[in-house]
């Protein structure tokens, strides 16, 4: 997702992943080629294979250090506070019962409905 911190978020790219797998494996691939300036994420995304390539591209990473990290990285808490916009966007998507309950059996239909929900949220 992308967008201004003060406005609506816009779904830029997404990938359906296995339900019990961590999303950090696919995050770098999804961000590749997108013109991003800042990436905000939670502690689950505190991984060198994600953060290092972003830093090489000049992208600011606002990701809290995992509690088990020996040398915690600095965190810009002022920017990180804006992450609630992303969480609220996901809450709006989950208000559509078809997504929350995963009625669709086919991944293509589920992905299509996510796109439709993103458009409805943006238009609202």
PDB file of N, CA and C in Angstrom:
ATOM      1  N   UNK A   1       0.837  -1.166   0.000  1.00  0.00           N
ATOM      2  CA  UNK A   1       0.000   0.000   0.000  1.00  0.00           C
ATOM      3  C   UNK A   1       0.883   1.230   0.000  1.00  0.00           C
ATOM      4  N   UNK A   2       0.364   2.261  -0.551  1.00  0.00           N
ATOM      5  CA  UNK A   2       1.099   3.504  -0.581  1.00  0.00           C
ATOM      6  C   UNK A   2       0.119   4.645  -0.385  1.00  0.00           C
ATOM      7  N   UNK A   3       0.615   5.790  -0.049  1.00  0.00           N
ATOM      8  CA  UNK A   3      -0.239   6.955   0.124  1.00  0.00           C
ATOM      9  C   UNK A   3       0.434   7.979   0.998  1.00  0.00           C
ATOM     10  N   UNK A   4      -0.181   9.123   1.097  1.00  0.00           N
ATOM     11  CA  UNK A   4       0.353  10.159   1.962  1.00  0.00           C
ATOM     12  C   UNK A   4      -0.036   9.836   3.392  1.00  0.00           C
ATOM     13  N   UNK A   5       0.766  10.307   4.343  1.00  0.00           N
ATOM     14  CA  UNK A   5       0.479  10.017   5.737  1.00  0.00           C
ATOM     15  C   UNK A   5      -0.783  10.720   6.218  1.00  0.00           C
ATOM     16  N   UNK A   6      -1.196  11.769   5.531  1.00  0.00           N
ATOM     17  CA  UNK A   6      -2.366  12.510   5.986  1.00  0.00           C
ATOM     18  C   UNK A   6      -3.620  12.172   5.194  1.00  0.00           C
ATOM     19  N   UNK A   7      -3.499  11.391   4.144  1.00  0.00           N
ATOM     20  CA  UNK A   7      -4.645  11.103   3.287  1.00  0.00           C
ATOM     21  C   UNK A   7      -5.016   9.642   3.296  1.00  0.00           C
ATOM     22  N   UNK A   8      -5.801   9.267   2.313  1.00  0.00           N
ATOM     23  CA  UNK A   8      -6.184   7.868   2.156  1.00  0.00           C
ATOM     24  C   UNK A   8      -4.990   7.046   1.700  1.00  0.00           C
ATOM     25  N   UNK A   9      -5.008   5.790   2.061  1.00  0.00           N
ATOM     26  CA  UNK A   9      -3.991   4.868   1.567  1.00  0.00           C
ATOM     27  C   UNK A   9      -4.502   4.240   0.283  1.00  0.00           C
ATOM     28  N   UNK A  10      -3.603   3.973  -0.620  1.00  0.00           N
ATOM     29  CA  UNK A  10      -3.954   3.382  -1.900  1.00  0.00           C
ATOM     30  C   UNK A  10      -3.240   2.046  -2.028  1.00  0.00           C
ATOM     31  N   UNK A  11      -3.970   1.024  -2.392  1.00  0.00           N
ATOM     32  CA  UNK A  11      -3.386  -0.294  -2.581  1.00  0.00           C
ATOM     33  C   UNK A  11      -2.535  -0.272  -3.844  1.00  0.00           C
ATOM     34  N   UNK A  12      -1.232  -0.426  -3.682  1.00  0.00           N
ATOM     35  CA  UNK A  12      -0.315  -0.376  -4.825  1.00  0.00           C
ATOM     36  C   UNK A  12      -0.058  -1.767  -5.387  1.00  0.00           C
ATOM     37  N   UNK A  13       0.089  -2.742  -4.508  1.00  0.00           N
ATOM     38  CA  UNK A  13       0.430  -4.099  -4.932  1.00  0.00           C
ATOM     39  C   UNK A  13       0.152  -5.033  -3.755  1.00  0.00           C
ATOM     40  N   UNK A  14      -0.315  -6.225  -4.046  1.00  0.00           N
ATOM     41  CA  UNK A  14      -0.479  -7.210  -2.979  1.00  0.00           C
ATOM     42  C   UNK A  14      -0.284  -8.603  -3.541  1.00  0.00           C
ATOM     43  N   UNK A  15      -0.059  -9.529  -2.652  1.00  0.00           N
ATOM     44  CA  UNK A  15       0.171 -10.927  -3.020  1.00  0.00           C
ATOM     45  C   UNK A  15      -0.560 -11.795  -2.002  1.00  0.00           C
ATOM     46  N   UNK A  16      -1.296 -12.780  -2.465  1.00  0.00           N
ATOM     47  CA  UNK A  16      -1.916 -13.732  -1.554  1.00  0.00           C
ATOM     48  C   UNK A  16      -0.854 -14.737  -1.130  1.00  0.00           C
ATOM     49  N   UNK A  17      -0.729 -14.919   0.171  1.00  0.00           N
ATOM     50  CA  UNK A  17       0.293 -15.812   0.710  1.00  0.00           C
ATOM     51  C   UNK A  17      -0.374 -16.894   1.550  1.00  0.00           C
ATOM     52  N   UNK A  18       0.322 -17.986   1.839  1.00  0.00           N
ATOM     53  CA  UNK A  18      -0.257 -19.015   2.706  1.00  0.00           C
ATOM     54  C   UNK A  18      -0.626 -18.431   4.063  1.00  0.00           C
ATOM     55  N   UNK A  19      -1.744 -18.879   4.598  1.00  0.00           N
ATOM     56  CA  UNK A  19      -2.280 -18.303   5.827  1.00  0.00           C
ATOM     57  C   UNK A  19      -1.372 -18.401   7.032  1.00  0.00           C
ATOM     58  N   UNK A  20      -0.610 -19.461   7.170  1.00  0.00           N
ATOM     59  CA  UNK A  20       0.209 -19.653   8.356  1.00  0.00           C
ATOM     60  C   UNK A  20       1.672 -19.287   8.135  1.00  0.00           C
ATOM     61  N   UNK A  21       1.987 -18.638   7.033  1.00  0.00           N
ATOM     62  CA  UNK A  21       3.373 -18.265   6.733  1.00  0.00           C
ATOM     63  C   UNK A  21       3.590 -16.790   7.044  1.00  0.00           C
ATOM     64  N   UNK A  22       4.785 -16.456   7.471  1.00  0.00           N
ATOM     65  CA  UNK A  22       5.119 -15.063   7.735  1.00  0.00           C
ATOM     66  C   UNK A  22       5.215 -14.267   6.443  1.00  0.00           C
ATOM     67  N   UNK A  23       4.712 -13.050   6.458  1.00  0.00           N
ATOM     68  CA  UNK A  23       4.685 -12.224   5.251  1.00  0.00           C
ATOM     69  C   UNK A  23       6.018 -11.576   4.929  1.00  0.00           C
ATOM     70  N   UNK A  24       6.962 -11.597   5.856  1.00  0.00           N
ATOM     71  CA  UNK A  24       8.248 -10.938   5.614  1.00  0.00           C
ATOM     72  C   UNK A  24       8.983 -11.567   4.431  1.00  0.00           C
ATOM     73  N   UNK A  25       8.700 -12.826   4.130  1.00  0.00           N
ATOM     74  CA  UNK A  25       9.354 -13.500   2.999  1.00  0.00           C
ATOM     75  C   UNK A  25       9.025 -12.824   1.673  1.00  0.00           C
ATOM     76  N   UNK A  26       7.817 -12.279   1.555  1.00  0.00           N
ATOM     77  CA  UNK A  26       7.362 -11.691   0.296  1.00  0.00           C
ATOM     78  C   UNK A  26       7.446 -10.166   0.282  1.00  0.00           C
ATOM     79  N   UNK A  27       7.763  -9.551   1.388  1.00  0.00           N
ATOM     80  CA  UNK A  27       7.756  -8.085   1.472  1.00  0.00           C
ATOM     81  C   UNK A  27       8.766  -7.448   0.526  1.00  0.00           C
ATOM     82  N   UNK A  28       9.986  -7.962   0.484  1.00  0.00           N
ATOM     83  CA  UNK A  28      11.015  -7.378  -0.383  1.00  0.00           C
ATOM     84  C   UNK A  28      10.608  -7.469  -1.847  1.00  0.00           C
ATOM     85  N   UNK A  29      10.022  -8.587  -2.236  1.00  0.00           N
ATOM     86  CA  UNK A  29       9.584  -8.777  -3.621  1.00  0.00           C
ATOM     87  C   UNK A  29       8.472  -7.790  -3.985  1.00  0.00           C
ATOM     88  N   UNK A  30       7.555  -7.542  -3.052  1.00  0.00           N
ATOM     89  CA  UNK A  30       6.464  -6.607  -3.320  1.00  0.00           C
ATOM     90  C   UNK A  30       6.950  -5.163  -3.409  1.00  0.00           C
ATOM     91  N   UNK A  31       7.966  -4.825  -2.634  1.00  0.00           N
ATOM     92  CA  UNK A  31       8.483  -3.455  -2.630  1.00  0.00           C
ATOM     93  C   UNK A  31       9.433  -3.185  -3.789  1.00  0.00           C
ATOM     94  N   UNK A  32       9.923  -4.243  -4.412  1.00  0.00           N
ATOM     95  CA  UNK A  32      10.881  -4.094  -5.511  1.00  0.00           C
ATOM     96  C   UNK A  32      10.245  -3.339  -6.680  1.00  0.00           C
ATOM     97  N   UNK A  33      10.916  -2.289  -7.104  1.00  0.00           N
ATOM     98  CA  UNK A  33      10.444  -1.507  -8.242  1.00  0.00           C
ATOM     99  C   UNK A  33       9.440  -0.419  -7.905  1.00  0.00           C
ATOM    100  N   UNK A  34       8.930  -0.405  -6.669  1.00  0.00           N
ATOM    101  CA  UNK A  34       8.006   0.659  -6.283  1.00  0.00           C
ATOM    102  C   UNK A  34       8.791   1.894  -5.845  1.00  0.00           C
ATOM    103  N   UNK A  35       8.367   3.080  -6.246  1.00  0.00           N
ATOM    104  CA  UNK A  35       9.068   4.302  -5.834  1.00  0.00           C
ATOM    105  C   UNK A  35       8.659   4.714  -4.420  1.00  0.00           C
ATOM    106  N   UNK A  36       9.239   4.062  -3.421  1.00  0.00           N
ATOM    107  CA  UNK A  36       8.896   4.362  -2.027  1.00  0.00           C
ATOM    108  C   UNK A  36      10.002   5.181  -1.377  1.00  0.00           C
ATOM    109  N   UNK A  37       9.601   6.028  -0.434  1.00  0.00           N
ATOM    110  CA  UNK A  37      10.563   6.817   0.329  1.00  0.00           C
ATOM    111  C   UNK A  37      10.704   6.285   1.742  1.00  0.00           C
ATOM    112  N   UNK A  38       9.588   5.790   2.301  1.00  0.00           N
ATOM    113  CA  UNK A  38       9.574   5.301   3.672  1.00  0.00           C
ATOM    114  C   UNK A  38       8.783   4.001   3.730  1.00  0.00           C
ATOM    115  N   UNK A  39       9.287   3.051   4.501  1.00  0.00           N
ATOM    116  CA  UNK A  39       8.582   1.792   4.736  1.00  0.00           C
ATOM    117  C   UNK A  39       8.356   1.663   6.233  1.00  0.00           C
ATOM    118  N   UNK A  40       7.079   1.541   6.625  1.00  0.00           N
ATOM    119  CA  UNK A  40       6.721   1.331   8.026  1.00  0.00           C
ATOM    120  C   UNK A  40       6.192  -0.086   8.177  1.00  0.00           C
ATOM    121  N   UNK A  41       6.618  -0.759   9.224  1.00  0.00           N
ATOM    122  CA  UNK A  41       6.140  -2.114   9.475  1.00  0.00           C
ATOM    123  C   UNK A  41       6.320  -2.424  10.955  1.00  0.00           C
ATOM    124  N   UNK A  42       5.740  -3.547  11.397  1.00  0.00           N
ATOM    125  CA  UNK A  42       5.895  -3.923  12.795  1.00  0.00           C
ATOM    126  C   UNK A  42       7.142  -4.783  12.987  1.00  0.00           C
ATOM    127  N   UNK A  43       7.350  -5.251  14.202  1.00  0.00           N
ATOM    128  CA  UNK A  43       8.586  -5.962  14.537  1.00  0.00           C
ATOM    129  C   UNK A  43       8.762  -7.259  13.756  1.00  0.00           C
ATOM    130  N   UNK A  44       7.695  -7.833  13.230  1.00  0.00           N
ATOM    131  CA  UNK A  44       7.811  -9.066  12.443  1.00  0.00           C
ATOM    132  C   UNK A  44       8.641  -8.847  11.181  1.00  0.00           C
ATOM    133  N   UNK A  45       8.751  -7.605  10.730  1.00  0.00           N
ATOM    134  CA  UNK A  45       9.492  -7.282   9.503  1.00  0.00           C
ATOM    135  C   UNK A  45      10.916  -6.813   9.796  1.00  0.00           C
ATOM    136  N   UNK A  46      11.376  -6.974  11.016  1.00  0.00           N
ATOM    137  CA  UNK A  46      12.746  -6.602  11.384  1.00  0.00           C
ATOM    138  C   UNK A  46      13.688  -7.723  10.948  1.00  0.00           C
ATOM    139  N   UNK A  47      14.019  -7.720   9.663  1.00  0.00           N
ATOM    140  CA  UNK A  47      14.887  -8.750   9.088  1.00  0.00           C
ATOM    141  C   UNK A  47      15.898  -8.088   8.166  1.00  0.00           C
ATOM    142  N   UNK A  48      17.134  -8.530   8.259  1.00  0.00           N
ATOM    143  CA  UNK A  48      18.209  -7.930   7.458  1.00  0.00           C
ATOM    144  C   UNK A  48      17.953  -8.085   5.962  1.00  0.00           C
ATOM    145  N   UNK A  49      17.396  -9.230   5.535  1.00  0.00           N
ATOM    146  CA  UNK A  49      17.169  -9.438   4.101  1.00  0.00           C
ATOM    147  C   UNK A  49      16.098  -8.498   3.543  1.00  0.00           C
ATOM    148  N   UNK A  50      15.325  -7.861   4.404  1.00  0.00           N
ATOM    149  CA  UNK A  50      14.349  -6.865   3.961  1.00  0.00           C
ATOM    150  C   UNK A  50      14.896  -5.451   4.118  1.00  0.00           C
ATOM    151  N   UNK A  51      15.494  -5.162   5.255  1.00  0.00           N
ATOM    152  CA  UNK A  51      15.912  -3.794   5.580  1.00  0.00           C
ATOM    153  C   UNK A  51      17.155  -3.364   4.809  1.00  0.00           C
ATOM    154  N   UNK A  52      18.157  -4.225   4.699  1.00  0.00           N
ATOM    155  CA  UNK A  52      19.415  -3.838   4.047  1.00  0.00           C
ATOM    156  C   UNK A  52      19.237  -3.389   2.596  1.00  0.00           C
ATOM    157  N   UNK A  53      18.510  -4.141   1.750  1.00  0.00           N
ATOM    158  CA  UNK A  53      18.320  -3.656   0.371  1.00  0.00           C
ATOM    159  C   UNK A  53      17.550  -2.336   0.302  1.00  0.00           C
ATOM    160  N   UNK A  54      16.615  -2.139   1.224  1.00  0.00           N
ATOM    161  CA  UNK A  54      15.869  -0.880   1.238  1.00  0.00           C
ATOM    162  C   UNK A  54      16.781   0.287   1.591  1.00  0.00           C
ATOM    163  N   UNK A  55      17.647   0.075   2.575  1.00  0.00           N
ATOM    164  CA  UNK A  55      18.589   1.134   2.961  1.00  0.00           C
ATOM    165  C   UNK A  55      19.550   1.452   1.822  1.00  0.00           C
ATOM    166  N   UNK A  56      19.960   0.442   1.067  1.00  0.00           N
ATOM    167  CA  UNK A  56      20.841   0.671  -0.089  1.00  0.00           C
ATOM    168  C   UNK A  56      20.157   1.514  -1.156  1.00  0.00           C
ATOM    169  N   UNK A  57      18.832   1.398  -1.264  1.00  0.00           N
ATOM    170  CA  UNK A  57      18.066   2.204  -2.221  1.00  0.00           C
ATOM    171  C   UNK A  57      17.782   3.607  -1.698  1.00  0.00           C
ATOM    172  N   UNK A  58      18.152   3.873  -0.441  1.00  0.00           N
ATOM    173  CA  UNK A  58      17.895   5.183   0.145  1.00  0.00           C
ATOM    174  C   UNK A  58      16.516   5.306   0.768  1.00  0.00           C
ATOM    175  N   UNK A  59      15.869   4.176   1.005  1.00  0.00           N
ATOM    176  CA  UNK A  59      14.537   4.166   1.606  1.00  0.00           C
ATOM    177  C   UNK A  59      14.676   4.236   3.123  1.00  0.00           C
ATOM    178  N   UNK A  60      13.887   5.088   3.751  1.00  0.00           N
ATOM    179  CA  UNK A  60      13.860   5.176   5.203  1.00  0.00           C
ATOM    180  C   UNK A  60      13.010   4.032   5.737  1.00  0.00           C
ATOM    181  N   UNK A  61      13.568   3.239   6.640  1.00  0.00           N
ATOM    182  CA  UNK A  61      12.817   2.132   7.232  1.00  0.00           C
ATOM    183  C   UNK A  61      12.438   2.504   8.656  1.00  0.00           C
ATOM    184  N   UNK A  62      11.157   2.433   8.937  1.00  0.00           N
ATOM    185  CA  UNK A  62      10.643   2.724  10.274  1.00  0.00           C
ATOM    186  C   UNK A  62      10.041   1.424  10.792  1.00  0.00           C
ATOM    187  N   UNK A  63      10.920   0.589  11.312  1.00  0.00           N
ATOM    188  CA  UNK A  63      10.540  -0.741  11.779  1.00  0.00           C
ATOM    189  C   UNK A  63      11.151  -0.934  13.164  1.00  0.00           C
ATOM    190  N   UNK A  64      10.328  -1.145  14.195  1.00  0.00           N
ATOM    191  CA  UNK A  64      10.889  -1.362  15.527  1.00  0.00           C
ATOM    192  C   UNK A  64      11.742  -2.626  15.562  1.00  0.00           C
ATOM    193  N   UNK A  65      12.784  -2.585  16.354  1.00  0.00           N
ATOM    194  CA  UNK A  65      13.661  -3.749  16.487  1.00  0.00           C
ATOM    195  C   UNK A  65      12.946  -4.866  17.228  1.00  0.00           C
ATOM    196  N   UNK A  66      13.225  -6.081  16.808  1.00  0.00           N
ATOM    197  CA  UNK A  66      12.680  -7.250  17.489  1.00  0.00           C
ATOM    198  C   UNK A  66      13.282  -7.296  18.892  1.00  0.00           C
ATOM    199  N   UNK A  67      12.508  -7.694  19.903  1.00  0.00           N
ATOM    200  CA  UNK A  67      13.030  -7.709  21.278  1.00  0.00           C
ATOM    201  C   UNK A  67      14.283  -8.563  21.467  1.00  0.00           C
ATOM    202  N   UNK A  68      14.497  -9.559  20.611  1.00  0.00           N
ATOM    203  CA  UNK A  68      15.664 -10.424  20.770  1.00  0.00           C
ATOM    204  C   UNK A  68      16.897  -9.888  20.042  1.00  0.00           C
ATOM    205  N   UNK A  69      16.766  -8.781  19.340  1.00  0.00           N
ATOM    206  CA  UNK A  69      17.910  -8.210  18.608  1.00  0.00           C
ATOM    207  C   UNK A  69      18.949  -7.716  19.611  1.00  0.00           C
ATOM    208  N   UNK A  70      20.213  -8.084  19.399  1.00  0.00           N
ATOM    209  CA  UNK A  70      21.283  -7.699  20.323  1.00  0.00           C
ATOM    210  C   UNK A  70      21.553  -6.205  20.290  1.00  0.00           C
ATOM    211  N   UNK A  71      21.553  -5.628  19.097  1.00  0.00           N
ATOM    212  CA  UNK A  71      21.818  -4.199  18.949  1.00  0.00           C
ATOM    213  C   UNK A  71      20.605  -3.546  18.288  1.00  0.00           C
ATOM    214  N   UNK A  72      19.674  -3.022  19.099  1.00  0.00           N
ATOM    215  CA  UNK A  72      18.459  -2.423  18.527  1.00  0.00           C
ATOM    216  C   UNK A  72      18.780  -1.248  17.608  1.00  0.00           C
ATOM    217  N   UNK A  73      18.021  -1.169  16.529  1.00  0.00           N
ATOM    218  CA  UNK A  73      18.188  -0.061  15.596  1.00  0.00           C
ATOM    219  C   UNK A  73      17.361   1.122  16.089  1.00  0.00           C
ATOM    220  N   UNK A  74      17.774   2.345  15.752  1.00  0.00           N
ATOM    221  CA  UNK A  74      16.986   3.511  16.176  1.00  0.00           C
ATOM    222  C   UNK A  74      15.628   3.532  15.459  1.00  0.00           C
ATOM    223  N   UNK A  75      14.626   4.083  16.130  1.00  0.00           N
ATOM    224  CA  UNK A  75      13.276   4.137  15.587  1.00  0.00           C
ATOM    225  C   UNK A  75      12.758   5.564  15.668  1.00  0.00           C
ATOM    226  N   UNK A  76      12.264   6.079  14.557  1.00  0.00           N
ATOM    227  CA  UNK A  76      11.649   7.402  14.533  1.00  0.00           C
ATOM    228  C   UNK A  76      10.198   7.241  14.977  1.00  0.00           C
ATOM    229  N   UNK A  77       9.947   7.446  16.267  1.00  0.00           N
ATOM    230  CA  UNK A  77       8.608   7.217  16.810  1.00  0.00           C
ATOM    231  C   UNK A  77       7.588   8.205  16.257  1.00  0.00           C
ATOM    232  N   UNK A  78       8.042   9.379  15.863  1.00  0.00           N
ATOM    233  CA  UNK A  78       7.120  10.369  15.297  1.00  0.00           C
ATOM    234  C   UNK A  78       6.501   9.840  13.997  1.00  0.00           C
ATOM    235  N   UNK A  79       7.307   9.260  13.130  1.00  0.00           N
ATOM    236  CA  UNK A  79       6.793   8.692  11.879  1.00  0.00           C
ATOM    237  C   UNK A  79       6.025   7.400  12.163  1.00  0.00           C
ATOM    238  N   UNK A  80       6.505   6.593  13.107  1.00  0.00           N
ATOM    239  CA  UNK A  80       5.885   5.296  13.379  1.00  0.00           C
ATOM    240  C   UNK A  80       4.450   5.447  13.879  1.00  0.00           C
ATOM    241  N   UNK A  81       4.148   6.574  14.522  1.00  0.00           N
ATOM    242  CA  UNK A  81       2.781   6.800  14.994  1.00  0.00           C
ATOM    243  C   UNK A  81       1.774   6.805  13.850  1.00  0.00           C
ATOM    244  N   UNK A  82       2.218   7.142  12.662  1.00  0.00           N
ATOM    245  CA  UNK A  82       1.318   7.199  11.508  1.00  0.00           C
ATOM    246  C   UNK A  82       0.943   5.812  10.999  1.00  0.00           C
ATOM    247  N   UNK A  83       1.580   4.783  11.515  1.00  0.00           N
ATOM    248  CA  UNK A  83       1.301   3.426  11.062  1.00  0.00           C
ATOM    249  C   UNK A  83      -0.132   2.998  11.366  1.00  0.00           C
ATOM    250  N   UNK A  84      -0.776   3.679  12.296  1.00  0.00           N
ATOM    251  CA  UNK A  84      -2.158   3.329  12.621  1.00  0.00           C
ATOM    252  C   UNK A  84      -3.082   3.506  11.418  1.00  0.00           C
ATOM    253  N   UNK A  85      -2.703   4.356  10.463  1.00  0.00           N
ATOM    254  CA  UNK A  85      -3.509   4.514   9.247  1.00  0.00           C
ATOM    255  C   UNK A  85      -3.571   3.203   8.464  1.00  0.00           C
ATOM    256  N   UNK A  86      -2.456   2.500   8.428  1.00  0.00           N
ATOM    257  CA  UNK A  86      -2.417   1.211   7.735  1.00  0.00           C
ATOM    258  C   UNK A  86      -3.293   0.200   8.471  1.00  0.00           C
ATOM    259  N   UNK A  87      -3.173   0.166   9.790  1.00  0.00           N
ATOM    260  CA  UNK A  87      -3.978  -0.770  10.577  1.00  0.00           C
ATOM    261  C   UNK A  87      -5.461  -0.473  10.421  1.00  0.00           C
ATOM    262  N   UNK A  88      -5.828   0.797  10.384  1.00  0.00           N
ATOM    263  CA  UNK A  88      -7.233   1.165  10.208  1.00  0.00           C
ATOM    264  C   UNK A  88      -7.725   0.777   8.817  1.00  0.00           C
ATOM    265  N   UNK A  89      -6.848   0.870   7.802  1.00  0.00           N
ATOM    266  CA  UNK A  89      -7.237   0.465   6.444  1.00  0.00           C
ATOM    267  C   UNK A  89      -7.576  -1.025   6.429  1.00  0.00           C
ATOM    268  N   UNK A  90      -6.736  -1.836   7.077  1.00  0.00           N
ATOM    269  CA  UNK A  90      -7.010  -3.270   7.129  1.00  0.00           C
ATOM    270  C   UNK A  90      -8.305  -3.555   7.891  1.00  0.00           C
ATOM    271  N   UNK A  91      -8.588  -2.785   8.928  1.00  0.00           N
ATOM    272  CA  UNK A  91      -9.854  -2.961   9.652  1.00  0.00           C
ATOM    273  C   UNK A  91     -11.039  -2.655   8.746  1.00  0.00           C
ATOM    274  N   UNK A  92     -10.913  -1.641   7.904  1.00  0.00           N
ATOM    275  CA  UNK A  92     -11.994  -1.319   6.962  1.00  0.00           C
ATOM    276  C   UNK A  92     -12.193  -2.457   5.961  1.00  0.00           C
ATOM    277  N   UNK A  93     -11.106  -3.027   5.491  1.00  0.00           N
ATOM    278  CA  UNK A  93     -11.225  -4.148   4.550  1.00  0.00           C
ATOM    279  C   UNK A  93     -11.910  -5.327   5.230  1.00  0.00           C
ATOM    280  N   UNK A  94     -11.577  -5.595   6.474  1.00  0.00           N
ATOM    281  CA  UNK A  94     -12.149  -6.743   7.181  1.00  0.00           C
ATOM    282  C   UNK A  94     -13.611  -6.533   7.554  1.00  0.00           C
ATOM    283  N   UNK A  95     -14.132  -5.310   7.396  1.00  0.00           N
ATOM    284  CA  UNK A  95     -15.558  -5.083   7.625  1.00  0.00           C
ATOM    285  C   UNK A  95     -16.402  -5.751   6.541  1.00  0.00           C
ATOM    286  N   UNK A  96     -15.795  -6.035   5.414  1.00  0.00           N
ATOM    287  CA  UNK A  96     -16.489  -6.777   4.366  1.00  0.00           C
ATOM    288  C   UNK A  96     -16.462  -8.250   4.779  1.00  0.00           C
ATOM    289  N   UNK A  97     -17.628  -8.779   5.137  1.00  0.00           N
ATOM    290  CA  UNK A  97     -17.672 -10.129   5.716  1.00  0.00           C
ATOM    291  C   UNK A  97     -17.104 -11.185   4.775  1.00  0.00           C
ATOM    292  N   UNK A  98     -17.188 -10.939   3.487  1.00  0.00           N
ATOM    293  CA  UNK A  98     -16.676 -11.915   2.516  1.00  0.00           C
ATOM    294  C   UNK A  98     -15.162 -12.077   2.647  1.00  0.00           C
ATOM    295  N   UNK A  99     -14.477 -11.017   3.042  1.00  0.00           N
ATOM    296  CA  UNK A  99     -13.027 -11.097   3.231  1.00  0.00           C
ATOM    297  C   UNK A  99     -12.711 -11.659   4.605  1.00  0.00           C
ATOM    298  N   UNK A 100     -13.412 -11.164   5.630  1.00  0.00           N
ATOM    299  CA  UNK A 100     -13.134 -11.599   6.998  1.00  0.00           C
ATOM    300  C   UNK A 100     -13.363 -13.096   7.177  1.00  0.00           C
ATOM    301  N   UNK A 101     -14.382 -13.634   6.510  1.00  0.00           N
ATOM    302  CA  UNK A 101     -14.698 -15.055   6.666  1.00  0.00           C
ATOM    303  C   UNK A 101     -14.117 -15.929   5.572  1.00  0.00           C
ATOM    304  N   UNK A 102     -13.508 -15.324   4.556  1.00  0.00           N
ATOM    305  CA  UNK A 102     -12.865 -16.036   3.450  1.00  0.00           C
ATOM    306  C   UNK A 102     -13.827 -17.021   2.773  1.00  0.00           C
ATOM    307  N   UNK A 103     -14.981 -16.499   2.366  1.00  0.00           N
ATOM    308  CA  UNK A 103     -15.977 -17.329   1.685  1.00  0.00           C
ATOM    309  C   UNK A 103     -15.469 -17.877   0.360  1.00  0.00           C
ATOM    310  N   UNK A 104     -14.665 -17.095  -0.341  1.00  0.00           N
ATOM    311  CA  UNK A 104     -14.224 -17.504  -1.674  1.00  0.00           C
ATOM    312  C   UNK A 104     -13.228 -18.653  -1.588  1.00  0.00           C
ATOM    313  N   UNK A 105     -13.472 -19.676  -2.360  1.00  0.00           N
ATOM    314  CA  UNK A 105     -12.573 -20.834  -2.380  1.00  0.00           C
ATOM    315  C   UNK A 105     -11.408 -20.626  -3.338  1.00  0.00           C
ATOM    316  N   UNK A 106     -11.631 -19.867  -4.400  1.00  0.00           N
ATOM    317  CA  UNK A 106     -10.580 -19.636  -5.388  1.00  0.00           C
ATOM    318  C   UNK A 106      -9.788 -18.380  -5.036  1.00  0.00           C
ATOM    319  N   UNK A 107      -8.479 -18.483  -5.126  1.00  0.00           N
ATOM    320  CA  UNK A 107      -7.613 -17.343  -4.810  1.00  0.00           C
ATOM    321  C   UNK A 107      -7.881 -16.166  -5.739  1.00  0.00           C
ATOM    322  N   UNK A 108      -8.186 -16.445  -6.995  1.00  0.00           N
ATOM    323  CA  UNK A 108      -8.434 -15.357  -7.951  1.00  0.00           C
ATOM    324  C   UNK A 108      -9.673 -14.554  -7.569  1.00  0.00           C
ATOM    325  N   UNK A 109     -10.704 -15.214  -7.075  1.00  0.00           N
ATOM    326  CA  UNK A 109     -11.913 -14.498  -6.649  1.00  0.00           C
ATOM    327  C   UNK A 109     -11.656 -13.705  -5.376  1.00  0.00           C
ATOM    328  N   UNK A 110     -10.920 -14.286  -4.457  1.00  0.00           N
ATOM    329  CA  UNK A 110     -10.587 -13.584  -3.216  1.00  0.00           C
ATOM    330  C   UNK A 110      -9.767 -12.335  -3.526  1.00  0.00           C
ATOM    331  N   UNK A 111      -8.777 -12.457  -4.406  1.00  0.00           N
ATOM    332  CA  UNK A 111      -7.941 -11.316  -4.791  1.00  0.00           C
ATOM    333  C   UNK A 111      -8.770 -10.251  -5.503  1.00  0.00           C
ATOM    334  N   UNK A 112      -9.698 -10.664  -6.341  1.00  0.00           N
ATOM    335  CA  UNK A 112     -10.559  -9.709  -7.041  1.00  0.00           C
ATOM    336  C   UNK A 112     -11.414  -8.929  -6.060  1.00  0.00           C
ATOM    337  N   UNK A 113     -11.912  -9.607  -5.040  1.00  0.00           N
ATOM    338  CA  UNK A 113     -12.743  -8.913  -4.060  1.00  0.00           C
ATOM    339  C   UNK A 113     -11.913  -7.961  -3.210  1.00  0.00           C
ATOM    340  N   UNK A 114     -10.660  -8.290  -2.945  1.00  0.00           N
ATOM    341  CA  UNK A 114      -9.786  -7.354  -2.229  1.00  0.00           C
ATOM    342  C   UNK A 114      -9.614  -6.082  -3.049  1.00  0.00           C
ATOM    343  N   UNK A 115      -9.411  -6.223  -4.346  1.00  0.00           N
ATOM    344  CA  UNK A 115      -9.294  -5.042  -5.223  1.00  0.00           C
ATOM    345  C   UNK A 115     -10.575  -4.224  -5.203  1.00  0.00           C
ATOM    346  N   UNK A 116     -11.710  -4.893  -5.246  1.00  0.00           N
ATOM    347  CA  UNK A 116     -12.992  -4.198  -5.213  1.00  0.00           C
ATOM    348  C   UNK A 116     -13.167  -3.450  -3.892  1.00  0.00           C
ATOM    349  N   UNK A 117     -12.822  -4.090  -2.788  1.00  0.00           N
ATOM    350  CA  UNK A 117     -12.919  -3.441  -1.480  1.00  0.00           C
ATOM    351  C   UNK A 117     -12.004  -2.229  -1.398  1.00  0.00           C
ATOM    352  N   UNK A 118     -10.801  -2.349  -1.927  1.00  0.00           N
ATOM    353  CA  UNK A 118      -9.866  -1.221  -1.912  1.00  0.00           C
ATOM    354  C   UNK A 118     -10.440  -0.039  -2.681  1.00  0.00           C
ATOM    355  N   UNK A 119     -11.101  -0.307  -3.806  1.00  0.00           N
ATOM    356  CA  UNK A 119     -11.723   0.769  -4.584  1.00  0.00           C
ATOM    357  C   UNK A 119     -12.884   1.404  -3.828  1.00  0.00           C
ATOM    358  N   UNK A 120     -13.695   0.586  -3.166  1.00  0.00           N
ATOM    359  CA  UNK A 120     -14.830   1.106  -2.400  1.00  0.00           C
ATOM    360  C   UNK A 120     -14.337   1.975  -1.248  1.00  0.00           C
ATOM    361  N   UNK A 121     -13.305   1.532  -0.559  1.00  0.00           N
ATOM    362  CA  UNK A 121     -12.751   2.307   0.557  1.00  0.00           C
ATOM    363  C   UNK A 121     -12.177   3.619   0.058  1.00  0.00           C
ATOM    364  N   UNK A 122     -11.494   3.592  -1.058  1.00  0.00           N
ATOM    365  CA  UNK A 122     -10.905   4.810  -1.617  1.00  0.00           C
ATOM    366  C   UNK A 122     -11.989   5.796  -2.046  1.00  0.00           C
ATOM    367  N   UNK A 123     -13.095   5.277  -2.591  1.00  0.00           N
ATOM    368  CA  UNK A 123     -14.173   6.149  -3.063  1.00  0.00           C
ATOM    369  C   UNK A 123     -14.987   6.733  -1.907  1.00  0.00           C
ATOM    370  N   UNK A 124     -14.966   6.071  -0.752  1.00  0.00           N
ATOM    371  CA  UNK A 124     -15.778   6.529   0.391  1.00  0.00           C
ATOM    372  C   UNK A 124     -15.244   7.793   1.011  1.00  0.00           C
TER     373      UNK A 124
END
